[in-house]
């Protein structure tokens, strides 16, 4: 299954990181997309979660 997760707030990163781990272990493809704001990029990078930047 392919899963798209749109991050709109830094709290969403914390909320979805465990979901990402569980779904990845079950061989599902996950894609996080987010805007370039606040600290979301740093959080996803620190957790080792790949993401795509939608711009500003």
PDB file of N, CA and C in Angstrom:
ATOM      1  N   UNK A   1       0.834  -1.157   0.000  1.00  0.00           N
ATOM      2  CA  UNK A   1       0.000   0.000   0.000  1.00  0.00           C
ATOM      3  C   UNK A   1       0.892   1.237   0.000  1.00  0.00           C
ATOM      4  N   UNK A   2       0.459   2.281  -0.682  1.00  0.00           N
ATOM      5  CA  UNK A   2       1.170   3.548  -0.688  1.00  0.00           C
ATOM      6  C   UNK A   2       0.434   4.521   0.218  1.00  0.00           C
ATOM      7  N   UNK A   3       1.192   5.192   1.102  1.00  0.00           N
ATOM      8  CA  UNK A   3       0.599   6.088   2.092  1.00  0.00           C
ATOM      9  C   UNK A   3       1.228   7.465   1.942  1.00  0.00           C
ATOM     10  N   UNK A   4       0.382   8.492   1.842  1.00  0.00           N
ATOM     11  CA  UNK A   4       0.824   9.880   1.758  1.00  0.00           C
ATOM     12  C   UNK A   4       0.422  10.584   3.044  1.00  0.00           C
ATOM     13  N   UNK A   5       1.404  11.219   3.683  1.00  0.00           N
ATOM     14  CA  UNK A   5       1.141  11.946   4.925  1.00  0.00           C
ATOM     15  C   UNK A   5       1.576  13.389   4.725  1.00  0.00           C
ATOM     16  N   UNK A   6       0.646  14.314   4.857  1.00  0.00           N
ATOM     17  CA  UNK A   6       0.915  15.742   4.691  1.00  0.00           C
ATOM     18  C   UNK A   6       1.111  16.366   6.062  1.00  0.00           C
ATOM     19  N   UNK A   7       2.297  16.911   6.294  1.00  0.00           N
ATOM     20  CA  UNK A   7       2.639  17.511   7.579  1.00  0.00           C
ATOM     21  C   UNK A   7       2.358  19.011   7.519  1.00  0.00           C
ATOM     22  N   UNK A   8       1.484  19.489   8.397  1.00  0.00           N
ATOM     23  CA  UNK A   8       1.158  20.917   8.452  1.00  0.00           C
ATOM     24  C   UNK A   8       1.655  21.597   9.720  1.00  0.00           C
ATOM     25  N   UNK A   9       2.079  20.804  10.684  1.00  0.00           N
ATOM     26  CA  UNK A   9       2.541  21.346  11.967  1.00  0.00           C
ATOM     27  C   UNK A   9       3.608  20.414  12.517  1.00  0.00           C
ATOM     28  N   UNK A  10       4.521  20.955  13.271  1.00  0.00           N
ATOM     29  CA  UNK A  10       5.623  20.135  13.793  1.00  0.00           C
ATOM     30  C   UNK A  10       5.114  19.005  14.696  1.00  0.00           C
ATOM     31  N   UNK A  11       3.988  19.189  15.353  1.00  0.00           N
ATOM     32  CA  UNK A  11       3.434  18.132  16.212  1.00  0.00           C
ATOM     33  C   UNK A  11       3.022  16.914  15.390  1.00  0.00           C
ATOM     34  N   UNK A  12       2.683  17.107  14.125  1.00  0.00           N
ATOM     35  CA  UNK A  12       2.299  15.986  13.264  1.00  0.00           C
ATOM     36  C   UNK A  12       3.471  15.031  13.053  1.00  0.00           C
ATOM     37  N   UNK A  13       4.680  15.549  13.053  1.00  0.00           N
ATOM     38  CA  UNK A  13       5.866  14.692  12.904  1.00  0.00           C
ATOM     39  C   UNK A  13       5.931  13.712  14.065  1.00  0.00           C
ATOM     40  N   UNK A  14       5.750  14.205  15.282  1.00  0.00           N
ATOM     41  CA  UNK A  14       5.783  13.338  16.461  1.00  0.00           C
ATOM     42  C   UNK A  14       4.625  12.342  16.440  1.00  0.00           C
ATOM     43  N   UNK A  15       3.488  12.799  15.965  1.00  0.00           N
ATOM     44  CA  UNK A  15       2.293  11.957  15.937  1.00  0.00           C
ATOM     45  C   UNK A  15       2.441  10.799  14.951  1.00  0.00           C
ATOM     46  N   UNK A  16       3.018  11.071  13.763  1.00  0.00           N
ATOM     47  CA  UNK A  16       3.085  10.071  12.712  1.00  0.00           C
ATOM     48  C   UNK A  16       4.381   9.268  12.661  1.00  0.00           C
ATOM     49  N   UNK A  17       5.372   9.571  13.474  1.00  0.00           N
ATOM     50  CA  UNK A  17       6.646   8.847  13.363  1.00  0.00           C
ATOM     51  C   UNK A  17       6.509   7.375  13.736  1.00  0.00           C
ATOM     52  N   UNK A  18       5.726   7.047  14.746  1.00  0.00           N
ATOM     53  CA  UNK A  18       5.528   5.643  15.105  1.00  0.00           C
ATOM     54  C   UNK A  18       4.695   4.921  14.058  1.00  0.00           C
ATOM     55  N   UNK A  19       3.717   5.607  13.501  1.00  0.00           N
ATOM     56  CA  UNK A  19       2.920   5.049  12.405  1.00  0.00           C
ATOM     57  C   UNK A  19       3.833   4.707  11.228  1.00  0.00           C
ATOM     58  N   UNK A  20       4.778   5.601  10.930  1.00  0.00           N
ATOM     59  CA  UNK A  20       5.743   5.370   9.842  1.00  0.00           C
ATOM     60  C   UNK A  20       6.558   4.105  10.106  1.00  0.00           C
ATOM     61  N   UNK A  21       7.039   3.945  11.319  1.00  0.00           N
ATOM     62  CA  UNK A  21       7.841   2.767  11.658  1.00  0.00           C
ATOM     63  C   UNK A  21       7.043   1.477  11.489  1.00  0.00           C
ATOM     64  N   UNK A  22       5.814   1.490  11.980  1.00  0.00           N
ATOM     65  CA  UNK A  22       4.965   0.295  11.892  1.00  0.00           C
ATOM     66  C   UNK A  22       4.660  -0.054  10.447  1.00  0.00           C
ATOM     67  N   UNK A  23       4.278   0.931   9.663  1.00  0.00           N
ATOM     68  CA  UNK A  23       3.915   0.684   8.262  1.00  0.00           C
ATOM     69  C   UNK A  23       5.135   0.293   7.428  1.00  0.00           C
ATOM     70  N   UNK A  24       6.294   0.843   7.753  1.00  0.00           N
ATOM     71  CA  UNK A  24       7.517   0.474   7.036  1.00  0.00           C
ATOM     72  C   UNK A  24       7.900  -0.978   7.303  1.00  0.00           C
ATOM     73  N   UNK A  25       7.712  -1.427   8.528  1.00  0.00           N
ATOM     74  CA  UNK A  25       8.012  -2.820   8.863  1.00  0.00           C
ATOM     75  C   UNK A  25       7.095  -3.779   8.118  1.00  0.00           C
ATOM     76  N   UNK A  26       5.890  -3.301   7.796  1.00  0.00           N
ATOM     77  CA  UNK A  26       4.929  -4.125   7.052  1.00  0.00           C
ATOM     78  C   UNK A  26       5.088  -3.957   5.541  1.00  0.00           C
ATOM     79  N   UNK A  27       6.199  -3.335   5.117  1.00  0.00           N
ATOM     80  CA  UNK A  27       6.563  -3.149   3.710  1.00  0.00           C
ATOM     81  C   UNK A  27       5.616  -2.229   2.936  1.00  0.00           C
ATOM     82  N   UNK A  28       4.993  -1.283   3.614  1.00  0.00           N
ATOM     83  CA  UNK A  28       4.188  -0.272   2.935  1.00  0.00           C
ATOM     84  C   UNK A  28       5.091   0.899   2.560  1.00  0.00           C
ATOM     85  N   UNK A  29       4.784   1.571   1.456  1.00  0.00           N
ATOM     86  CA  UNK A  29       5.557   2.744   1.032  1.00  0.00           C
ATOM     87  C   UNK A  29       4.915   3.987   1.633  1.00  0.00           C
ATOM     88  N   UNK A  30       5.729   4.782   2.321  1.00  0.00           N
ATOM     89  CA  UNK A  30       5.259   5.996   2.980  1.00  0.00           C
ATOM     90  C   UNK A  30       5.935   7.207   2.370  1.00  0.00           C
ATOM     91  N   UNK A  31       5.173   8.270   2.166  1.00  0.00           N
ATOM     92  CA  UNK A  31       5.733   9.522   1.679  1.00  0.00           C
ATOM     93  C   UNK A  31       5.211  10.657   2.538  1.00  0.00           C
ATOM     94  N   UNK A  32       6.129  11.398   3.126  1.00  0.00           N
ATOM     95  CA  UNK A  32       5.786  12.586   3.886  1.00  0.00           C
ATOM     96  C   UNK A  32       6.012  13.789   2.994  1.00  0.00           C
ATOM     97  N   UNK A  33       5.045  14.690   2.933  1.00  0.00           N
ATOM     98  CA  UNK A  33       5.203  15.950   2.207  1.00  0.00           C
ATOM     99  C   UNK A  33       4.940  17.080   3.190  1.00  0.00           C
ATOM    100  N   UNK A  34       5.672  18.193   3.023  1.00  0.00           N
ATOM    101  CA  UNK A  34       5.521  19.309   3.931  1.00  0.00           C
ATOM    102  C   UNK A  34       6.042  20.575   3.302  1.00  0.00           C
ATOM    103  N   UNK A  35       5.652  21.699   3.876  1.00  0.00           N
ATOM    104  CA  UNK A  35       6.157  22.994   3.449  1.00  0.00           C
ATOM    105  C   UNK A  35       7.438  23.299   4.206  1.00  0.00           C
ATOM    106  N   UNK A  36       8.208  24.221   3.669  1.00  0.00           N
ATOM    107  CA  UNK A  36       9.456  24.620   4.309  1.00  0.00           C
ATOM    108  C   UNK A  36       9.162  25.677   5.366  1.00  0.00           C
ATOM    109  N   UNK A  37       8.838  25.240   6.568  1.00  0.00           N
ATOM    110  CA  UNK A  37       8.563  26.163   7.664  1.00  0.00           C
ATOM    111  C   UNK A  37       8.987  25.533   8.984  1.00  0.00           C
ATOM    112  N   UNK A  38       9.237  26.377   9.952  1.00  0.00           N
ATOM    113  CA  UNK A  38       9.598  25.995  11.307  1.00  0.00           C
ATOM    114  C   UNK A  38      10.658  24.892  11.341  1.00  0.00           C
ATOM    115  N   UNK A  39      10.404  23.804  12.053  1.00  0.00           N
ATOM    116  CA  UNK A  39      11.451  22.799  12.267  1.00  0.00           C
ATOM    117  C   UNK A  39      11.097  21.418  11.734  1.00  0.00           C
ATOM    118  N   UNK A  40      10.054  21.329  10.925  1.00  0.00           N
ATOM    119  CA  UNK A  40       9.620  20.019  10.459  1.00  0.00           C
ATOM    120  C   UNK A  40      10.719  19.272   9.699  1.00  0.00           C
ATOM    121  N   UNK A  41      11.490  19.980   8.859  1.00  0.00           N
ATOM    122  CA  UNK A  41      12.577  19.335   8.107  1.00  0.00           C
ATOM    123  C   UNK A  41      13.597  18.723   9.056  1.00  0.00           C
ATOM    124  N   UNK A  42      13.972  19.487  10.056  1.00  0.00           N
ATOM    125  CA  UNK A  42      14.964  18.979  11.010  1.00  0.00           C
ATOM    126  C   UNK A  42      14.439  17.774  11.788  1.00  0.00           C
ATOM    127  N   UNK A  43      13.176  17.805  12.177  1.00  0.00           N
ATOM    128  CA  UNK A  43      12.603  16.682  12.926  1.00  0.00           C
ATOM    129  C   UNK A  43      12.574  15.411  12.078  1.00  0.00           C
ATOM    130  N   UNK A  44      12.082  15.518  10.846  1.00  0.00           N
ATOM    131  CA  UNK A  44      12.010  14.339   9.990  1.00  0.00           C
ATOM    132  C   UNK A  44      13.402  13.796   9.692  1.00  0.00           C
ATOM    133  N   UNK A  45      14.356  14.676   9.456  1.00  0.00           N
ATOM    134  CA  UNK A  45      15.730  14.233   9.202  1.00  0.00           C
ATOM    135  C   UNK A  45      16.323  13.542  10.426  1.00  0.00           C
ATOM    136  N   UNK A  46      16.050  14.073  11.617  1.00  0.00           N
ATOM    137  CA  UNK A  46      16.613  13.471  12.827  1.00  0.00           C
ATOM    138  C   UNK A  46      16.007  12.094  13.091  1.00  0.00           C
ATOM    139  N   UNK A  47      14.761  11.861  12.679  1.00  0.00           N
ATOM    140  CA  UNK A  47      14.130  10.549  12.838  1.00  0.00           C
ATOM    141  C   UNK A  47      14.430   9.616  11.673  1.00  0.00           C
ATOM    142  N   UNK A  48      15.125  10.115  10.641  1.00  0.00           N
ATOM    143  CA  UNK A  48      15.471   9.281   9.498  1.00  0.00           C
ATOM    144  C   UNK A  48      14.289   8.986   8.587  1.00  0.00           C
ATOM    145  N   UNK A  49      13.330   9.894   8.550  1.00  0.00           N
ATOM    146  CA  UNK A  49      12.139   9.712   7.723  1.00  0.00           C
ATOM    147  C   UNK A  49      12.303  10.513   6.435  1.00  0.00           C
ATOM    148  N   UNK A  50      12.214   9.867   5.274  1.00  0.00           N
ATOM    149  CA  UNK A  50      12.330  10.601   4.017  1.00  0.00           C
ATOM    150  C   UNK A  50      11.090  11.455   3.756  1.00  0.00           C
ATOM    151  N   UNK A  51      11.301  12.613   3.096  1.00  0.00           N
ATOM    152  CA  UNK A  51      10.201  13.532   2.856  1.00  0.00           C
ATOM    153  C   UNK A  51      10.430  14.316   1.569  1.00  0.00           C
ATOM    154  N   UNK A  52       9.366  14.937   1.081  1.00  0.00           N
ATOM    155  CA  UNK A  52       9.425  15.823  -0.080  1.00  0.00           C
ATOM    156  C   UNK A  52       8.976  17.203   0.374  1.00  0.00           C
ATOM    157  N   UNK A  53       9.685  18.216  -0.106  1.00  0.00           N
ATOM    158  CA  UNK A  53       9.373  19.606   0.233  1.00  0.00           C
ATOM    159  C   UNK A  53       8.423  20.181  -0.818  1.00  0.00           C
ATOM    160  N   UNK A  54       7.295  20.761  -0.383  1.00  0.00           N
ATOM    161  CA  UNK A  54       6.330  21.372  -1.292  1.00  0.00           C
ATOM    162  C   UNK A  54       6.647  22.836  -1.557  1.00  0.00           C
ATOM    163  N   UNK A  55       7.670  23.391  -0.951  1.00  0.00           N
ATOM    164  CA  UNK A  55       8.010  24.809  -1.113  1.00  0.00           C
ATOM    165  C   UNK A  55       7.427  25.637  -0.001  1.00  0.00           C
ATOM    166  N   UNK A  56       7.366  26.949  -0.238  1.00  0.00           N
ATOM    167  CA  UNK A  56       6.856  27.851   0.800  1.00  0.00           C
ATOM    168  C   UNK A  56       5.400  28.121   0.626  1.00  0.00           C
TER     169      UNK A  56
END
